[in-house]
Structures are given as C-alpha cells and as structure tokens.
Amino acid sequence: MISLIKKQTAEFMEELDRVGWPTQSKVMSASWTVITISIFVGLFLWGIDWILSRSFSHLLPK
C-alpha cells in the first residue's frame, strides 16, 4: 500500500514538471480581461433588463 502511494506521488511530481505554467504577467493580463468582460456583460444584461422591464410596465396594465 505504501509503495503504491509513493509510486503515485512520484508520477504526480513528474507530471507537474511537464506542466507549462504561465508567467505572472500572463495570469494578470488574463485576469483583467476576465474582470473587464464580466463587468461589460453584467452592465449589458442589466441595461437590457432595465429596458425590457420599463417597456413591459408601460404596455401591461397594473
């Protein structure tokens, strides 16, 4: 059992050595891109919701 755990740990460490980790600047750039797009999409959806809710409130009787 212990030898199996050691083998799996060694294979895991070998796999980690093969991973191409991004640089800090790439991670920061991608993070800011995601934040910017998320804010834009959120504002866009809020605007569409606001327009539709105002439109339907005027069209439908209360």
PDB file of N, CA and C in Angstrom:
ATOM      1  N   MET A   1       0.814  -1.195   0.000  1.00  0.00           N
ATOM      2  CA  MET A   1       0.000   0.000   0.000  1.00  0.00           C
ATOM      3  C   MET A   1       0.858   1.259   0.000  1.00  0.00           C
ATOM      4  N   ILE A   2       1.867   1.285   0.844  1.00  0.00           N
ATOM      5  CA  ILE A   2       2.761   2.442   0.920  1.00  0.00           C
ATOM      6  C   ILE A   2       3.521   2.609  -0.390  1.00  0.00           C
ATOM      7  N   SER A   3       3.935   1.501  -0.991  1.00  0.00           N
ATOM      8  CA  SER A   3       4.678   1.596  -2.252  1.00  0.00           C
ATOM      9  C   SER A   3       3.787   2.156  -3.364  1.00  0.00           C
ATOM     10  N   LEU A   4       2.504   1.825  -3.332  1.00  0.00           N
ATOM     11  CA  LEU A   4       1.562   2.369  -4.319  1.00  0.00           C
ATOM     12  C   LEU A   4       1.428   3.880  -4.157  1.00  0.00           C
ATOM     13  N   ILE A   5       1.343   4.337  -2.921  1.00  0.00           N
ATOM     14  CA  ILE A   5       1.243   5.783  -2.661  1.00  0.00           C
ATOM     15  C   ILE A   5       2.510   6.492  -3.115  1.00  0.00           C
ATOM     16  N   LYS A   6       3.660   5.905  -2.830  1.00  0.00           N
ATOM     17  CA  LYS A   6       4.936   6.502  -3.257  1.00  0.00           C
ATOM     18  C   LYS A   6       5.015   6.576  -4.775  1.00  0.00           C
ATOM     19  N   LYS A   7       4.568   5.514  -5.453  1.00  0.00           N
ATOM     20  CA  LYS A   7       4.604   5.483  -6.914  1.00  0.00           C
ATOM     21  C   LYS A   7       3.686   6.560  -7.496  1.00  0.00           C
ATOM     22  N   GLN A   8       2.476   6.667  -6.955  1.00  0.00           N
ATOM     23  CA  GLN A   8       1.549   7.674  -7.451  1.00  0.00           C
ATOM     24  C   GLN A   8       2.058   9.085  -7.193  1.00  0.00           C
ATOM     25  N   THR A   9       2.688   9.299  -6.046  1.00  0.00           N
ATOM     26  CA  THR A   9       3.262  10.607  -5.731  1.00  0.00           C
ATOM     27  C   THR A   9       4.394  10.946  -6.697  1.00  0.00           C
ATOM     28  N   ALA A  10       5.232   9.991  -6.997  1.00  0.00           N
ATOM     29  CA  ALA A  10       6.337  10.217  -7.939  1.00  0.00           C
ATOM     30  C   ALA A  10       5.793  10.538  -9.333  1.00  0.00           C
ATOM     31  N   GLU A  11       4.770   9.804  -9.763  1.00  0.00           N
ATOM     32  CA  GLU A  11       4.169  10.078 -11.076  1.00  0.00           C
ATOM     33  C   GLU A  11       3.525  11.461 -11.102  1.00  0.00           C
ATOM     34  N   PHE A  12       2.898  11.828 -10.002  1.00  0.00           N
ATOM     35  CA  PHE A  12       2.282  13.146  -9.893  1.00  0.00           C
ATOM     36  C   PHE A  12       3.335  14.247  -9.997  1.00  0.00           C
ATOM     37  N   MET A  13       4.439  14.083  -9.324  1.00  0.00           N
ATOM     38  CA  MET A  13       5.510  15.081  -9.366  1.00  0.00           C
ATOM     39  C   MET A  13       6.118  15.171 -10.770  1.00  0.00           C
ATOM     40  N   GLU A  14       6.269  14.049 -11.454  1.00  0.00           N
ATOM     41  CA  GLU A  14       6.765  14.063 -12.828  1.00  0.00           C
ATOM     42  C   GLU A  14       5.802  14.826 -13.742  1.00  0.00           C
ATOM     43  N   GLU A  15       4.514  14.605 -13.537  1.00  0.00           N
ATOM     44  CA  GLU A  15       3.508  15.293 -14.351  1.00  0.00           C
ATOM     45  C   GLU A  15       3.548  16.799 -14.092  1.00  0.00           C
ATOM     46  N   LEU A  16       3.744  17.191 -12.850  1.00  0.00           N
ATOM     47  CA  LEU A  16       3.835  18.619 -12.528  1.00  0.00           C
ATOM     48  C   LEU A  16       5.042  19.270 -13.203  1.00  0.00           C
ATOM     49  N   ASP A  17       6.118  18.520 -13.360  1.00  0.00           N
ATOM     50  CA  ASP A  17       7.304  19.056 -14.036  1.00  0.00           C
ATOM     51  C   ASP A  17       7.040  19.304 -15.520  1.00  0.00           C
ATOM     52  N   ARG A  18       6.116  18.559 -16.116  1.00  0.00           N
ATOM     53  CA  ARG A  18       5.804  18.705 -17.544  1.00  0.00           C
ATOM     54  C   ARG A  18       4.789  19.818 -17.827  1.00  0.00           C
ATOM     55  N   VAL A  19       4.155  20.336 -16.789  1.00  0.00           N
ATOM     56  CA  VAL A  19       3.133  21.367 -16.981  1.00  0.00           C
ATOM     57  C   VAL A  19       3.801  22.668 -17.397  1.00  0.00           C
ATOM     58  N   GLY A  20       3.215  23.325 -18.400  1.00  0.00           N
ATOM     59  CA  GLY A  20       3.720  24.626 -18.825  1.00  0.00           C
ATOM     60  C   GLY A  20       2.992  25.726 -18.066  1.00  0.00           C
ATOM     61  N   TRP A  21       3.574  26.170 -16.961  1.00  0.00           N
ATOM     62  CA  TRP A  21       2.935  27.172 -16.115  1.00  0.00           C
ATOM     63  C   TRP A  21       3.054  28.553 -16.755  1.00  0.00           C
ATOM     64  N   PRO A  22       1.985  29.355 -16.735  1.00  0.00           N
ATOM     65  CA  PRO A  22       2.048  30.700 -17.310  1.00  0.00           C
ATOM     66  C   PRO A  22       2.835  31.643 -16.397  1.00  0.00           C
ATOM     67  N   THR A  23       3.342  32.704 -17.010  1.00  0.00           N
ATOM     68  CA  THR A  23       4.065  33.700 -16.220  1.00  0.00           C
ATOM     69  C   THR A  23       3.064  34.558 -15.451  1.00  0.00           C
ATOM     70  N   GLN A  24       3.566  35.294 -14.481  1.00  0.00           N
ATOM     71  CA  GLN A  24       2.698  36.137 -13.667  1.00  0.00           C
ATOM     72  C   GLN A  24       2.037  37.212 -14.518  1.00  0.00           C
ATOM     73  N   SER A  25       2.766  37.752 -15.483  1.00  0.00           N
ATOM     74  CA  SER A  25       2.187  38.804 -16.324  1.00  0.00           C
ATOM     75  C   SER A  25       1.046  38.254 -17.192  1.00  0.00           C
ATOM     76  N   LYS A  26       1.175  37.024 -17.671  1.00  0.00           N
ATOM     77  CA  LYS A  26       0.097  36.414 -18.452  1.00  0.00           C
ATOM     78  C   LYS A  26      -1.136  36.164 -17.586  1.00  0.00           C
ATOM     79  N   VAL A  27      -0.912  35.711 -16.356  1.00  0.00           N
ATOM     80  CA  VAL A  27      -2.030  35.466 -15.443  1.00  0.00           C
ATOM     81  C   VAL A  27      -2.737  36.772 -15.120  1.00  0.00           C
ATOM     82  N   MET A  28      -1.984  37.819 -14.846  1.00  0.00           N
ATOM     83  CA  MET A  28      -2.584  39.119 -14.531  1.00  0.00           C
ATOM     84  C   MET A  28      -3.343  39.663 -15.733  1.00  0.00           C
ATOM     85  N   SER A  29      -2.783  39.532 -16.914  1.00  0.00           N
ATOM     86  CA  SER A  29      -3.443  40.005 -18.128  1.00  0.00           C
ATOM     87  C   SER A  29      -4.757  39.266 -18.359  1.00  0.00           C
ATOM     88  N   ALA A  30      -4.726  37.958 -18.203  1.00  0.00           N
ATOM     89  CA  ALA A  30      -5.935  37.159 -18.385  1.00  0.00           C
ATOM     90  C   ALA A  30      -6.973  37.491 -17.314  1.00  0.00           C
ATOM     91  N   SER A  31      -6.522  37.729 -16.099  1.00  0.00           N
ATOM     92  CA  SER A  31      -7.447  38.075 -15.014  1.00  0.00           C
ATOM     93  C   SER A  31      -8.145  39.391 -15.290  1.00  0.00           C
ATOM     94  N   TRP A  32      -7.407  40.395 -15.722  1.00  0.00           N
ATOM     95  CA  TRP A  32      -8.013  41.702 -16.026  1.00  0.00           C
ATOM     96  C   TRP A  32      -8.957  41.602 -17.215  1.00  0.00           C
ATOM     97  N   THR A  33      -8.624  40.754 -18.165  1.00  0.00           N
ATOM     98  CA  THR A  33      -9.516  40.546 -19.305  1.00  0.00           C
ATOM     99  C   THR A  33     -10.835  39.938 -18.847  1.00  0.00           C
ATOM    100  N   VAL A  34     -10.767  38.939 -17.988  1.00  0.00           N
ATOM    101  CA  VAL A  34     -11.976  38.298 -17.477  1.00  0.00           C
ATOM    102  C   VAL A  34     -12.808  39.284 -16.658  1.00  0.00           C
ATOM    103  N   ILE A  35     -12.165  40.073 -15.813  1.00  0.00           N
ATOM    104  CA  ILE A  35     -12.878  41.056 -14.998  1.00  0.00           C
ATOM    105  C   ILE A  35     -13.557  42.086 -15.882  1.00  0.00           C
ATOM    106  N   THR A  36     -12.845  42.594 -16.882  1.00  0.00           N
ATOM    107  CA  THR A  36     -13.401  43.611 -17.775  1.00  0.00           C
ATOM    108  C   THR A  36     -14.593  43.069 -18.557  1.00  0.00           C
ATOM    109  N   ILE A  37     -14.456  41.891 -19.121  1.00  0.00           N
ATOM    110  CA  ILE A  37     -15.551  41.296 -19.897  1.00  0.00           C
ATOM    111  C   ILE A  37     -16.741  41.001 -18.992  1.00  0.00           C
ATOM    112  N   SER A  38     -16.490  40.529 -17.773  1.00  0.00           N
ATOM    113  CA  SER A  38     -17.576  40.244 -16.837  1.00  0.00           C
ATOM    114  C   SER A  38     -18.350  41.508 -16.485  1.00  0.00           C
ATOM    115  N   ILE A  39     -17.646  42.601 -16.256  1.00  0.00           N
ATOM    116  CA  ILE A  39     -18.317  43.873 -15.959  1.00  0.00           C
ATOM    117  C   ILE A  39     -19.128  44.334 -17.163  1.00  0.00           C
ATOM    118  N   PHE A  40     -18.556  44.252 -18.351  1.00  0.00           N
ATOM    119  CA  PHE A  40     -19.264  44.657 -19.561  1.00  0.00           C
ATOM    120  C   PHE A  40     -20.529  43.830 -19.765  1.00  0.00           C
ATOM    121  N   VAL A  41     -20.425  42.521 -19.646  1.00  0.00           N
ATOM    122  CA  VAL A  41     -21.591  41.645 -19.837  1.00  0.00           C
ATOM    123  C   VAL A  41     -22.633  41.927 -18.760  1.00  0.00           C
ATOM    124  N   GLY A  42     -22.203  42.123 -17.523  1.00  0.00           N
ATOM    125  CA  GLY A  42     -23.131  42.435 -16.444  1.00  0.00           C
ATOM    126  C   GLY A  42     -23.884  43.728 -16.699  1.00  0.00           C
ATOM    127  N   LEU A  43     -23.165  44.775 -17.119  1.00  0.00           N
ATOM    128  CA  LEU A  43     -23.823  46.053 -17.428  1.00  0.00           C
ATOM    129  C   LEU A  43     -24.754  45.930 -18.628  1.00  0.00           C
ATOM    130  N   PHE A  44     -24.340  45.176 -19.625  1.00  0.00           N
ATOM    131  CA  PHE A  44     -25.175  44.970 -20.808  1.00  0.00           C
ATOM    132  C   PHE A  44     -26.482  44.272 -20.434  1.00  0.00           C
ATOM    133  N   LEU A  45     -26.382  43.184 -19.659  1.00  0.00           N
ATOM    134  CA  LEU A  45     -27.580  42.459 -19.251  1.00  0.00           C
ATOM    135  C   LEU A  45     -28.468  43.302 -18.343  1.00  0.00           C
ATOM    136  N   TRP A  46     -27.847  44.083 -17.456  1.00  0.00           N
ATOM    137  CA  TRP A  46     -28.622  44.987 -16.604  1.00  0.00           C
ATOM    138  C   TRP A  46     -29.380  45.988 -17.468  1.00  0.00           C
ATOM    139  N   GLY A  47     -28.723  46.538 -18.477  1.00  0.00           N
ATOM    140  CA  GLY A  47     -29.362  47.504 -19.365  1.00  0.00           C
ATOM    141  C   GLY A  47     -30.530  46.891 -20.129  1.00  0.00           C
ATOM    142  N   ILE A  48     -30.336  45.709 -20.662  1.00  0.00           N
ATOM    143  CA  ILE A  48     -31.419  45.022 -21.379  1.00  0.00           C
ATOM    144  C   ILE A  48     -32.585  44.748 -20.432  1.00  0.00           C
ATOM    145  N   ASP A  49     -32.289  44.282 -19.228  1.00  0.00           N
ATOM    146  CA  ASP A  49     -33.330  44.004 -18.240  1.00  0.00           C
ATOM    147  C   ASP A  49     -34.080  45.285 -17.883  1.00  0.00           C
ATOM    148  N   TRP A  50     -33.362  46.368 -17.685  1.00  0.00           N
ATOM    149  CA  TRP A  50     -33.978  47.647 -17.328  1.00  0.00           C
ATOM    150  C   TRP A  50     -34.899  48.138 -18.452  1.00  0.00           C
ATOM    151  N   ILE A  51     -34.414  48.059 -19.691  1.00  0.00           N
ATOM    152  CA  ILE A  51     -35.222  48.492 -20.843  1.00  0.00           C
ATOM    153  C   ILE A  51     -36.474  47.634 -20.976  1.00  0.00           C
ATOM    154  N   LEU A  52     -36.324  46.322 -20.882  1.00  0.00           N
ATOM    155  CA  LEU A  52     -37.481  45.435 -21.016  1.00  0.00           C
ATOM    156  C   LEU A  52     -38.477  45.627 -19.871  1.00  0.00           C
ATOM    157  N   SER A  53     -37.990  45.780 -18.664  1.00  0.00           N
ATOM    158  CA  SER A  53     -38.911  45.954 -17.543  1.00  0.00           C
ATOM    159  C   SER A  53     -39.660  47.277 -17.649  1.00  0.00           C
ATOM    160  N   ARG A  54     -39.002  48.346 -18.089  1.00  0.00           N
ATOM    161  CA  ARG A  54     -39.680  49.636 -18.298  1.00  0.00           C
ATOM    162  C   ARG A  54     -40.696  49.523 -19.435  1.00  0.00           C
ATOM    163  N   SER A  55     -40.323  48.839 -20.499  1.00  0.00           N
ATOM    164  CA  SER A  55     -41.223  48.702 -21.648  1.00  0.00           C
ATOM    165  C   SER A  55     -42.471  47.909 -21.280  1.00  0.00           C
ATOM    166  N   PHE A  56     -42.291  46.789 -20.607  1.00  0.00           N
ATOM    167  CA  PHE A  56     -43.430  45.960 -20.245  1.00  0.00           C
ATOM    168  C   PHE A  56     -44.299  46.610 -19.169  1.00  0.00           C
ATOM    169  N   SER A  57     -43.708  47.420 -18.313  1.00  0.00           N
ATOM    170  CA  SER A  57     -44.518  48.082 -17.296  1.00  0.00           C
ATOM    171  C   SER A  57     -45.454  49.110 -17.918  1.00  0.00           C
ATOM    172  N   HIS A  58     -45.079  49.686 -19.045  1.00  0.00           N
ATOM    173  CA  HIS A  58     -45.927  50.631 -19.741  1.00  0.00           C
ATOM    174  C   HIS A  58     -46.956  49.927 -20.630  1.00  0.00           C
ATOM    175  N   LEU A  59     -46.630  48.729 -21.096  1.00  0.00           N
ATOM    176  CA  LEU A  59     -47.535  48.010 -22.007  1.00  0.00           C
ATOM    177  C   LEU A  59     -48.593  47.201 -21.276  1.00  0.00           C
ATOM    178  N   LEU A  60     -48.230  46.645 -20.140  1.00  0.00           N
ATOM    179  CA  LEU A  60     -49.159  45.777 -19.419  1.00  0.00           C
ATOM    180  C   LEU A  60     -49.913  46.570 -18.364  1.00  0.00           C
ATOM    181  N   PRO A  61     -51.215  46.341 -18.243  1.00  0.00           N
ATOM    182  CA  PRO A  61     -51.988  47.060 -17.216  1.00  0.00           C
ATOM    183  C   PRO A  61     -51.605  46.561 -15.817  1.00  0.00           C
ATOM    184  N   LYS A  62     -51.743  47.435 -14.852  1.00  0.00           N
ATOM    185  CA  LYS A  62     -51.384  47.067 -13.478  1.00  0.00           C
ATOM    186  C   LYS A  62     -52.535  46.449 -12.739  1.00  0.00           C
TER     187      LYS A  62
END
